């Protein structure tokens, strides 16, 4: 079954939409609806580091998922500090071929777990939550994810003030 060049062009042009310019908008619809966005006075948490450890038995799936996760982070403007591959873990299990006899005849099974670690730095809590939810929803089958967050917090006032202001200074030499 061959398609001529002319009919192929017609086939493509048949389904293209006509190009028209539309510049008018109805703003009355937007102003009449109530805003569903809630603004809170609660400050957003700052995260110093977010470490994402992804593990799977299939290395090709991990390569693809790493590309997806780093591309999503770049699109959201998240700073990727490091992406590396920790050494794979190999677990071997040796069993007898026959349950009751022939001890010298054995079968050896091997399970390999590949890891990939993505370290992100200097995030807000809201950005981290959106990013992590997005990449977790698109997690392929047979892949596990472990997330570690390190938050930045304000130093308490009792630690900021020096201790020696409260205690008198002894001029006695130590023994």
N, C-alpha and C. Protein backbone atom coordinates (compact mmCIF):
# COMPACT_ATOMS: atom_id res chain seq x y z
N UNK A 1 0.85 -1.17 0.00
CA UNK A 1 0.00 0.00 0.00
C UNK A 1 0.89 1.22 0.00
N UNK A 2 0.91 1.93 -1.09
CA UNK A 2 1.75 3.11 -1.17
C UNK A 2 0.88 4.35 -1.26
N UNK A 3 1.39 5.40 -0.66
CA UNK A 3 0.69 6.68 -0.66
C UNK A 3 1.51 7.64 -1.48
N UNK A 4 0.87 8.29 -2.42
CA UNK A 4 1.62 9.23 -3.25
C UNK A 4 1.95 10.48 -2.45
N UNK A 5 2.92 11.23 -2.94
CA UNK A 5 3.37 12.42 -2.24
C UNK A 5 2.25 13.46 -2.12
N UNK A 6 1.46 13.60 -3.17
CA UNK A 6 0.39 14.60 -3.19
C UNK A 6 -0.71 14.26 -2.18
N UNK A 7 -1.12 13.01 -2.14
CA UNK A 7 -2.19 12.64 -1.21
C UNK A 7 -1.71 12.71 0.23
N UNK A 8 -0.43 12.47 0.46
CA UNK A 8 0.12 12.58 1.80
C UNK A 8 0.04 14.02 2.29
N UNK A 9 0.36 14.97 1.41
CA UNK A 9 0.26 16.38 1.78
C UNK A 9 -1.18 16.75 2.09
N UNK A 10 -2.08 16.26 1.26
CA UNK A 10 -3.48 16.56 1.49
C UNK A 10 -3.93 15.98 2.83
N UNK A 11 -3.42 14.80 3.16
CA UNK A 11 -3.77 14.15 4.41
C UNK A 11 -3.33 14.99 5.61
N UNK A 12 -2.15 15.59 5.54
CA UNK A 12 -1.67 16.44 6.63
C UNK A 12 -2.46 17.73 6.68
N UNK A 13 -2.64 18.40 5.55
CA UNK A 13 -3.33 19.68 5.53
C UNK A 13 -4.81 19.55 5.87
N UNK A 14 -5.36 18.40 5.68
CA UNK A 14 -6.77 18.19 5.95
C UNK A 14 -7.08 18.36 7.43
N UNK A 15 -6.14 17.97 8.31
CA UNK A 15 -6.40 18.01 9.74
C UNK A 15 -5.79 19.22 10.44
N UNK A 16 -5.17 20.13 9.72
CA UNK A 16 -4.62 21.31 10.36
C UNK A 16 -5.74 22.31 10.62
N UNK A 17 -5.64 22.99 11.73
CA UNK A 17 -6.65 23.99 12.08
C UNK A 17 -6.36 25.29 11.35
N UNK A 18 -7.39 26.03 10.98
CA UNK A 18 -7.15 27.32 10.32
C UNK A 18 -6.55 28.31 11.31
N UNK A 19 -5.66 29.15 10.82
CA UNK A 19 -5.00 30.13 11.66
C UNK A 19 -5.86 31.38 11.74
N UNK A 20 -6.37 31.69 12.91
CA UNK A 20 -7.15 32.91 13.12
C UNK A 20 -6.61 33.60 14.35
N UNK A 21 -6.72 34.90 14.37
CA UNK A 21 -6.25 35.64 15.54
C UNK A 21 -7.44 36.06 16.37
N UNK A 22 -7.36 35.80 17.64
CA UNK A 22 -8.43 36.22 18.55
C UNK A 22 -7.77 36.96 19.70
N UNK A 23 -8.17 38.21 19.87
CA UNK A 23 -7.55 39.03 20.91
C UNK A 23 -8.55 39.54 21.93
N UNK A 24 -9.79 39.18 21.83
CA UNK A 24 -10.79 39.67 22.78
C UNK A 24 -10.98 38.65 23.90
N UNK A 25 -11.09 39.16 25.12
CA UNK A 25 -11.31 38.32 26.28
C UNK A 25 -12.52 38.84 27.04
N UNK A 26 -13.20 37.95 27.71
CA UNK A 26 -14.32 38.35 28.55
C UNK A 26 -13.81 38.42 29.98
N UNK A 27 -13.59 39.62 30.48
CA UNK A 27 -13.06 39.78 31.83
C UNK A 27 -14.16 39.74 32.87
N UNK A 28 -15.41 39.85 32.47
CA UNK A 28 -16.49 39.84 33.44
C UNK A 28 -16.62 38.48 34.12
N UNK A 29 -16.26 37.41 33.45
CA UNK A 29 -16.34 36.08 34.03
C UNK A 29 -15.33 35.94 35.16
N UNK A 30 -14.13 36.49 34.97
CA UNK A 30 -13.09 36.37 35.98
C UNK A 30 -13.38 37.23 37.21
N UNK A 31 -13.95 38.41 37.02
CA UNK A 31 -14.18 39.30 38.15
C UNK A 31 -15.39 38.89 38.98
N UNK A 32 -16.35 38.17 38.39
CA UNK A 32 -17.56 37.81 39.12
C UNK A 32 -17.35 36.59 40.02
N UNK A 33 -16.41 35.73 39.69
CA UNK A 33 -16.20 34.54 40.51
C UNK A 33 -15.37 34.89 41.74
N UNK A 34 -15.70 34.24 42.84
CA UNK A 34 -14.96 34.48 44.09
C UNK A 34 -13.60 33.80 44.01
N UNK A 35 -12.62 34.42 44.63
CA UNK A 35 -11.28 33.87 44.61
C UNK A 35 -11.20 32.67 45.55
N UNK A 36 -10.67 31.58 45.05
CA UNK A 36 -10.53 30.37 45.87
C UNK A 36 -9.14 30.24 46.46
N UNK A 37 -8.28 31.22 46.22
CA UNK A 37 -6.91 31.19 46.74
C UNK A 37 -6.93 31.75 48.15
N UNK A 38 -6.39 30.98 49.09
CA UNK A 38 -6.33 31.41 50.48
C UNK A 38 -4.92 31.88 50.80
N UNK A 39 -4.82 33.09 51.32
CA UNK A 39 -3.53 33.65 51.70
C UNK A 39 -3.39 33.51 53.20
N UNK A 40 -2.33 32.87 53.65
CA UNK A 40 -2.10 32.70 55.08
C UNK A 40 -0.90 33.53 55.49
N UNK A 41 -0.86 33.88 56.74
CA UNK A 41 0.25 34.66 57.28
C UNK A 41 1.38 33.76 57.77
N UNK A 42 1.21 32.46 57.65
CA UNK A 42 2.22 31.51 58.10
C UNK A 42 3.43 31.57 57.19
N UNK A 43 4.63 31.78 57.75
CA UNK A 43 5.82 31.85 56.89
C UNK A 43 6.17 30.47 56.32
N UNK A 44 6.71 30.50 55.13
CA UNK A 44 7.10 29.26 54.46
C UNK A 44 8.41 28.74 55.06
N UNK A 45 8.52 27.43 55.21
CA UNK A 45 9.75 26.86 55.76
C UNK A 45 10.84 26.87 54.70
N UNK A 46 12.06 27.03 55.14
CA UNK A 46 13.21 27.00 54.24
C UNK A 46 13.94 25.68 54.43
N UNK A 47 14.23 25.03 53.33
CA UNK A 47 14.94 23.76 53.38
C UNK A 47 16.35 23.97 52.84
N UNK A 48 17.33 23.58 53.63
CA UNK A 48 18.72 23.72 53.19
C UNK A 48 19.06 22.68 52.14
N UNK A 49 18.66 21.43 52.40
CA UNK A 49 18.94 20.34 51.46
C UNK A 49 17.75 19.40 51.40
N UNK A 50 17.54 18.84 50.24
CA UNK A 50 16.58 17.75 50.05
C UNK A 50 17.33 16.66 49.30
N UNK A 51 17.39 15.49 49.90
CA UNK A 51 18.09 14.37 49.29
C UNK A 51 17.05 13.33 48.86
N UNK A 52 17.07 12.98 47.58
CA UNK A 52 16.13 12.01 47.02
C UNK A 52 16.92 10.78 46.60
N UNK A 53 16.66 9.66 47.26
CA UNK A 53 17.31 8.39 46.93
C UNK A 53 16.29 7.51 46.23
N UNK A 54 16.60 7.13 45.00
CA UNK A 54 15.70 6.30 44.19
C UNK A 54 16.39 4.96 43.97
N UNK A 55 15.65 3.87 44.18
CA UNK A 55 16.24 2.54 43.99
C UNK A 55 15.33 1.66 43.14
N UNK A 56 15.98 0.82 42.34
CA UNK A 56 15.26 -0.06 41.43
C UNK A 56 16.15 -1.24 41.06
N UNK A 57 15.53 -2.28 40.51
CA UNK A 57 16.29 -3.43 40.02
C UNK A 57 16.69 -3.26 38.56
N UNK A 58 16.12 -2.28 37.88
CA UNK A 58 16.38 -2.06 36.46
C UNK A 58 17.12 -0.74 36.27
N UNK A 59 18.33 -0.80 35.75
CA UNK A 59 19.15 0.40 35.61
C UNK A 59 18.62 1.35 34.54
N UNK A 60 18.06 0.82 33.47
CA UNK A 60 17.54 1.65 32.38
C UNK A 60 16.37 2.51 32.87
N UNK A 61 15.54 1.94 33.72
CA UNK A 61 14.41 2.70 34.28
C UNK A 61 14.94 3.84 35.15
N UNK A 62 15.99 3.56 35.92
CA UNK A 62 16.58 4.61 36.76
C UNK A 62 17.19 5.73 35.93
N UNK A 63 17.85 5.39 34.83
CA UNK A 63 18.42 6.41 33.95
C UNK A 63 17.33 7.32 33.41
N UNK A 64 16.24 6.74 32.97
CA UNK A 64 15.12 7.51 32.42
C UNK A 64 14.48 8.38 33.50
N UNK A 65 14.29 7.82 34.69
CA UNK A 65 13.66 8.58 35.77
C UNK A 65 14.57 9.70 36.27
N UNK A 66 15.88 9.47 36.28
CA UNK A 66 16.82 10.53 36.67
C UNK A 66 16.72 11.70 35.69
N UNK A 67 16.66 11.40 34.41
CA UNK A 67 16.51 12.45 33.39
C UNK A 67 15.22 13.23 33.61
N UNK A 68 14.13 12.51 33.89
CA UNK A 68 12.83 13.15 34.13
C UNK A 68 12.88 14.05 35.36
N UNK A 69 13.43 13.55 36.47
CA UNK A 69 13.45 14.31 37.72
C UNK A 69 14.34 15.54 37.62
N UNK A 70 15.50 15.43 36.97
CA UNK A 70 16.37 16.60 36.82
C UNK A 70 15.78 17.62 35.86
N UNK A 71 15.11 17.16 34.83
CA UNK A 71 14.46 18.08 33.89
C UNK A 71 13.33 18.84 34.58
N UNK A 72 12.56 18.15 35.41
CA UNK A 72 11.47 18.80 36.14
C UNK A 72 12.03 19.83 37.13
N UNK A 73 13.15 19.51 37.78
CA UNK A 73 13.77 20.45 38.71
C UNK A 73 14.28 21.68 37.99
N UNK A 74 14.87 21.50 36.83
CA UNK A 74 15.37 22.65 36.05
C UNK A 74 14.22 23.53 35.60
N UNK A 75 13.10 22.93 35.20
CA UNK A 75 11.94 23.71 34.76
C UNK A 75 11.33 24.51 35.90
N UNK A 76 11.40 23.99 37.12
CA UNK A 76 10.88 24.72 38.28
C UNK A 76 11.90 25.68 38.87
N UNK A 77 13.11 25.70 38.35
CA UNK A 77 14.13 26.61 38.85
C UNK A 77 14.75 26.15 40.16
N UNK A 78 14.77 24.87 40.40
CA UNK A 78 15.34 24.31 41.63
C UNK A 78 16.82 24.04 41.40
N UNK A 79 17.64 24.40 42.39
CA UNK A 79 19.08 24.21 42.30
C UNK A 79 19.43 22.75 42.58
N UNK A 80 20.03 22.10 41.60
CA UNK A 80 20.49 20.71 41.77
C UNK A 80 21.96 20.78 42.16
N UNK A 81 22.27 20.37 43.39
CA UNK A 81 23.66 20.46 43.83
C UNK A 81 24.48 19.26 43.39
N UNK A 82 23.86 18.07 43.34
CA UNK A 82 24.64 16.88 43.00
C UNK A 82 23.70 15.76 42.56
N UNK A 83 24.10 15.04 41.52
CA UNK A 83 23.41 13.82 41.09
C UNK A 83 24.49 12.75 40.97
N UNK A 84 24.35 11.68 41.73
CA UNK A 84 25.37 10.64 41.66
C UNK A 84 24.73 9.27 41.81
N UNK A 85 25.53 8.25 41.49
CA UNK A 85 25.07 6.87 41.54
C UNK A 85 25.87 6.13 42.60
N UNK A 86 25.26 5.84 43.76
CA UNK A 86 25.96 5.04 44.76
C UNK A 86 26.19 3.62 44.23
N UNK A 87 27.12 2.89 44.82
CA UNK A 87 27.38 1.52 44.33
C UNK A 87 26.15 0.63 44.48
N UNK A 88 25.99 -0.26 43.50
CA UNK A 88 24.84 -1.16 43.53
C UNK A 88 25.03 -2.22 44.61
N UNK A 89 23.92 -2.71 45.10
CA UNK A 89 23.93 -3.72 46.14
C UNK A 89 23.54 -5.05 45.51
N UNK A 90 24.37 -6.06 45.70
CA UNK A 90 24.10 -7.38 45.12
C UNK A 90 23.85 -8.36 46.26
N UNK A 91 22.68 -8.99 46.22
CA UNK A 91 22.32 -9.98 47.23
C UNK A 91 22.22 -11.34 46.54
N UNK A 92 22.99 -12.30 47.02
CA UNK A 92 23.01 -13.63 46.41
C UNK A 92 22.36 -14.63 47.35
N UNK A 93 21.60 -15.54 46.76
CA UNK A 93 20.90 -16.56 47.52
C UNK A 93 21.21 -17.91 46.87
N UNK A 94 21.81 -18.81 47.64
CA UNK A 94 22.17 -20.13 47.11
C UNK A 94 21.22 -21.17 47.70
N UNK A 95 20.60 -21.94 46.80
CA UNK A 95 19.65 -22.98 47.22
C UNK A 95 20.02 -24.31 46.57
N UNK A 96 19.56 -25.39 47.18
CA UNK A 96 19.75 -26.71 46.59
C UNK A 96 18.77 -26.88 45.43
N UNK A 97 19.23 -27.57 44.36
CA UNK A 97 18.32 -27.84 43.24
C UNK A 97 17.21 -28.78 43.67
N UNK A 98 17.58 -29.77 44.41
CA UNK A 98 16.60 -30.71 44.94
C UNK A 98 16.48 -30.48 46.43
N UNK A 99 15.31 -30.58 46.94
CA UNK A 99 15.09 -30.28 48.35
C UNK A 99 15.69 -31.35 49.25
N UNK A 100 15.63 -32.61 48.84
CA UNK A 100 15.98 -33.70 49.74
C UNK A 100 17.37 -34.29 49.53
N UNK A 101 17.87 -34.35 48.29
CA UNK A 101 19.16 -35.01 48.04
C UNK A 101 20.03 -34.15 47.12
N UNK A 102 21.22 -34.64 46.82
CA UNK A 102 22.18 -34.00 45.92
C UNK A 102 22.61 -32.62 46.43
N UNK A 103 23.35 -32.67 47.52
CA UNK A 103 23.80 -31.43 48.14
C UNK A 103 24.77 -30.66 47.27
N UNK A 104 25.51 -31.35 46.40
CA UNK A 104 26.49 -30.64 45.59
C UNK A 104 25.86 -29.93 44.39
N UNK A 105 24.61 -30.19 44.08
CA UNK A 105 23.92 -29.52 42.98
C UNK A 105 23.12 -28.34 43.54
N UNK A 106 23.58 -27.15 43.20
CA UNK A 106 22.96 -25.95 43.77
C UNK A 106 22.59 -24.96 42.67
N UNK A 107 21.71 -24.03 43.03
CA UNK A 107 21.30 -22.93 42.15
C UNK A 107 21.57 -21.64 42.90
N UNK A 108 22.12 -20.67 42.19
CA UNK A 108 22.41 -19.39 42.83
C UNK A 108 21.60 -18.28 42.16
N UNK A 109 20.83 -17.56 42.98
CA UNK A 109 20.03 -16.44 42.51
C UNK A 109 20.69 -15.13 42.94
N UNK A 110 20.53 -14.13 42.12
CA UNK A 110 21.19 -12.85 42.41
C UNK A 110 20.18 -11.71 42.22
N UNK A 111 20.10 -10.83 43.21
CA UNK A 111 19.22 -9.67 43.13
C UNK A 111 20.08 -8.42 43.20
N UNK A 112 20.02 -7.61 42.17
CA UNK A 112 20.81 -6.38 42.12
C UNK A 112 19.89 -5.19 42.35
N UNK A 113 20.30 -4.30 43.24
CA UNK A 113 19.55 -3.08 43.50
C UNK A 113 20.43 -1.91 43.11
N UNK A 114 19.96 -1.14 42.14
CA UNK A 114 20.68 0.04 41.67
C UNK A 114 20.11 1.26 42.38
N UNK A 115 20.98 2.23 42.67
CA UNK A 115 20.58 3.44 43.39
C UNK A 115 20.90 4.66 42.55
N UNK A 116 20.16 5.71 42.78
CA UNK A 116 20.44 7.02 42.19
C UNK A 116 20.09 8.06 43.24
N UNK A 117 20.95 9.01 43.47
CA UNK A 117 20.73 10.03 44.49
C UNK A 117 20.76 11.41 43.84
N UNK A 118 19.73 12.20 44.12
CA UNK A 118 19.62 13.57 43.61
C UNK A 118 19.57 14.48 44.82
N UNK A 119 20.52 15.40 44.90
CA UNK A 119 20.57 16.33 46.03
C UNK A 119 20.19 17.72 45.53
N UNK A 120 19.19 18.30 46.17
CA UNK A 120 18.71 19.64 45.85
C UNK A 120 19.07 20.55 47.01
N UNK A 121 19.30 21.83 46.72
CA UNK A 121 19.68 22.74 47.79
C UNK A 121 18.89 24.04 47.70
N UNK A 122 18.70 24.66 48.86
CA UNK A 122 18.08 25.98 49.03
C UNK A 122 16.69 26.04 48.38
N UNK A 123 15.75 25.35 49.02
CA UNK A 123 14.36 25.29 48.55
C UNK A 123 13.42 25.90 49.58
N UNK A 124 12.28 26.35 49.13
CA UNK A 124 11.21 26.69 50.05
C UNK A 124 10.36 25.44 50.23
N UNK A 125 9.63 25.40 51.33
CA UNK A 125 8.81 24.22 51.61
C UNK A 125 7.73 23.99 50.58
N UNK A 126 7.14 25.08 50.08
CA UNK A 126 6.08 24.97 49.08
C UNK A 126 6.62 24.41 47.77
N UNK A 127 7.77 24.91 47.32
CA UNK A 127 8.37 24.42 46.08
C UNK A 127 8.76 22.95 46.21
N UNK A 128 9.33 22.58 47.35
CA UNK A 128 9.72 21.19 47.57
C UNK A 128 8.50 20.28 47.57
N UNK A 129 7.42 20.73 48.19
CA UNK A 129 6.21 19.92 48.25
C UNK A 129 5.62 19.69 46.86
N UNK A 130 5.57 20.74 46.04
CA UNK A 130 5.04 20.61 44.68
C UNK A 130 5.92 19.70 43.84
N UNK A 131 7.23 19.90 43.92
CA UNK A 131 8.17 19.10 43.13
C UNK A 131 8.12 17.63 43.53
N UNK A 132 8.15 17.36 44.84
CA UNK A 132 8.14 15.97 45.30
C UNK A 132 6.83 15.26 44.97
N UNK A 133 5.72 15.98 45.07
CA UNK A 133 4.44 15.37 44.71
C UNK A 133 4.41 15.03 43.22
N UNK A 134 4.96 15.91 42.40
CA UNK A 134 4.97 15.69 40.95
C UNK A 134 5.82 14.47 40.58
N UNK A 135 7.04 14.38 41.14
CA UNK A 135 7.89 13.25 40.76
C UNK A 135 7.44 11.95 41.41
N UNK A 136 6.74 12.03 42.56
CA UNK A 136 6.23 10.80 43.17
C UNK A 136 5.03 10.26 42.41
N UNK A 137 4.22 11.14 41.86
CA UNK A 137 3.07 10.68 41.07
C UNK A 137 3.51 10.03 39.76
N UNK A 138 4.67 10.42 39.25
CA UNK A 138 5.18 9.86 38.01
C UNK A 138 6.26 8.80 38.25
N UNK A 139 6.28 8.23 39.43
CA UNK A 139 7.26 7.19 39.76
C UNK A 139 6.91 5.90 39.00
N UNK A 140 7.85 5.34 38.25
CA UNK A 140 7.55 4.11 37.50
C UNK A 140 7.35 2.91 38.42
N UNK A 141 6.82 1.84 37.86
CA UNK A 141 6.63 0.61 38.63
C UNK A 141 7.98 -0.01 38.96
N UNK A 142 8.07 -0.58 40.14
CA UNK A 142 9.30 -1.24 40.54
C UNK A 142 10.38 -0.30 41.03
N UNK A 143 10.03 0.96 41.30
CA UNK A 143 10.99 1.95 41.75
C UNK A 143 10.54 2.46 43.11
N UNK A 144 11.48 2.52 44.06
CA UNK A 144 11.19 3.04 45.40
C UNK A 144 11.91 4.36 45.58
N UNK A 145 11.32 5.25 46.38
CA UNK A 145 11.91 6.56 46.61
C UNK A 145 11.98 6.84 48.10
N UNK A 146 13.10 7.43 48.52
CA UNK A 146 13.29 7.82 49.91
C UNK A 146 13.73 9.28 49.91
N UNK A 147 13.01 10.13 50.66
CA UNK A 147 13.28 11.56 50.67
C UNK A 147 13.73 11.98 52.06
N UNK A 148 14.83 12.74 52.13
CA UNK A 148 15.33 13.28 53.39
C UNK A 148 15.39 14.79 53.25
N UNK A 149 14.75 15.49 54.20
CA UNK A 149 14.72 16.96 54.16
C UNK A 149 15.51 17.50 55.35
N UNK A 150 16.33 18.52 55.10
CA UNK A 150 17.06 19.21 56.15
C UNK A 150 16.59 20.65 56.14
N UNK A 151 15.90 21.06 57.22
CA UNK A 151 15.29 22.39 57.29
C UNK A 151 16.24 23.38 57.95
N UNK A 152 16.07 24.64 57.57
CA UNK A 152 16.83 25.73 58.19
C UNK A 152 15.90 26.39 59.21
N UNK A 153 16.40 26.56 60.42
CA UNK A 153 15.59 27.18 61.47
C UNK A 153 16.38 28.29 62.13
N UNK A 154 15.64 29.18 62.76
CA UNK A 154 16.25 30.31 63.45
C UNK A 154 16.90 29.81 64.74
N UNK A 155 18.05 30.38 65.06
CA UNK A 155 18.76 30.01 66.29
C UNK A 155 18.01 30.65 67.46
N UNK A 156 17.71 29.90 68.53
CA UNK A 156 16.99 30.47 69.67
C UNK A 156 17.79 31.59 70.34
N UNK A 157 17.07 32.52 70.98
CA UNK A 157 17.71 33.68 71.60
C UNK A 157 18.64 33.30 72.74
N UNK A 158 18.29 32.27 73.51
CA UNK A 158 19.15 31.90 74.64
C UNK A 158 20.49 31.33 74.17
N UNK A 159 20.59 30.90 72.94
CA UNK A 159 21.86 30.41 72.41
C UNK A 159 22.66 31.55 71.79
N UNK A 160 21.97 32.55 71.27
CA UNK A 160 22.66 33.68 70.65
C UNK A 160 23.45 34.51 71.66
N UNK A 161 22.88 34.69 72.87
CA UNK A 161 23.57 35.49 73.89
C UNK A 161 24.70 34.68 74.51
N UNK A 162 25.85 35.30 74.74
CA UNK A 162 26.96 34.57 75.36
C UNK A 162 26.64 34.19 76.80
N UNK A 163 27.10 33.03 77.22
CA UNK A 163 26.84 32.54 78.57
C UNK A 163 27.60 33.33 79.63
N UNK A 164 28.76 33.86 79.32
CA UNK A 164 29.60 34.49 80.33
C UNK A 164 29.04 35.83 80.80
N UNK A 165 28.02 36.37 80.14
CA UNK A 165 27.40 37.60 80.64
C UNK A 165 26.61 37.34 81.91
N UNK A 166 26.02 36.17 82.04
CA UNK A 166 25.20 35.83 83.21
C UNK A 166 26.04 35.41 84.41
N UNK A 167 27.21 34.87 84.19
CA UNK A 167 28.03 34.33 85.28
C UNK A 167 29.20 35.28 85.57
N UNK A 168 29.50 35.47 86.87
CA UNK A 168 30.66 36.32 87.20
C UNK A 168 31.97 35.63 86.81
N UNK A 169 32.93 36.45 86.47
CA UNK A 169 34.24 35.93 86.06
C UNK A 169 35.11 35.75 87.29
N UNK A 170 35.68 34.56 87.45
CA UNK A 170 36.59 34.29 88.56
C UNK A 170 38.00 34.58 88.10
N UNK A 171 38.72 35.39 88.89
CA UNK A 171 40.11 35.71 88.55
C UNK A 171 41.08 34.70 89.14
N UNK A 172 40.55 33.68 89.79
CA UNK A 172 41.42 32.68 90.39
C UNK A 172 42.01 31.79 89.29
N UNK A 173 43.28 31.45 89.41
CA UNK A 173 43.87 30.54 88.43
C UNK A 173 43.32 29.12 88.62
N UNK A 174 43.22 28.41 87.57
CA UNK A 174 42.72 27.04 87.65
C UNK A 174 43.82 26.12 88.16
N UNK A 175 43.42 25.08 88.84
CA UNK A 175 44.41 24.18 89.43
C UNK A 175 44.56 22.93 88.67
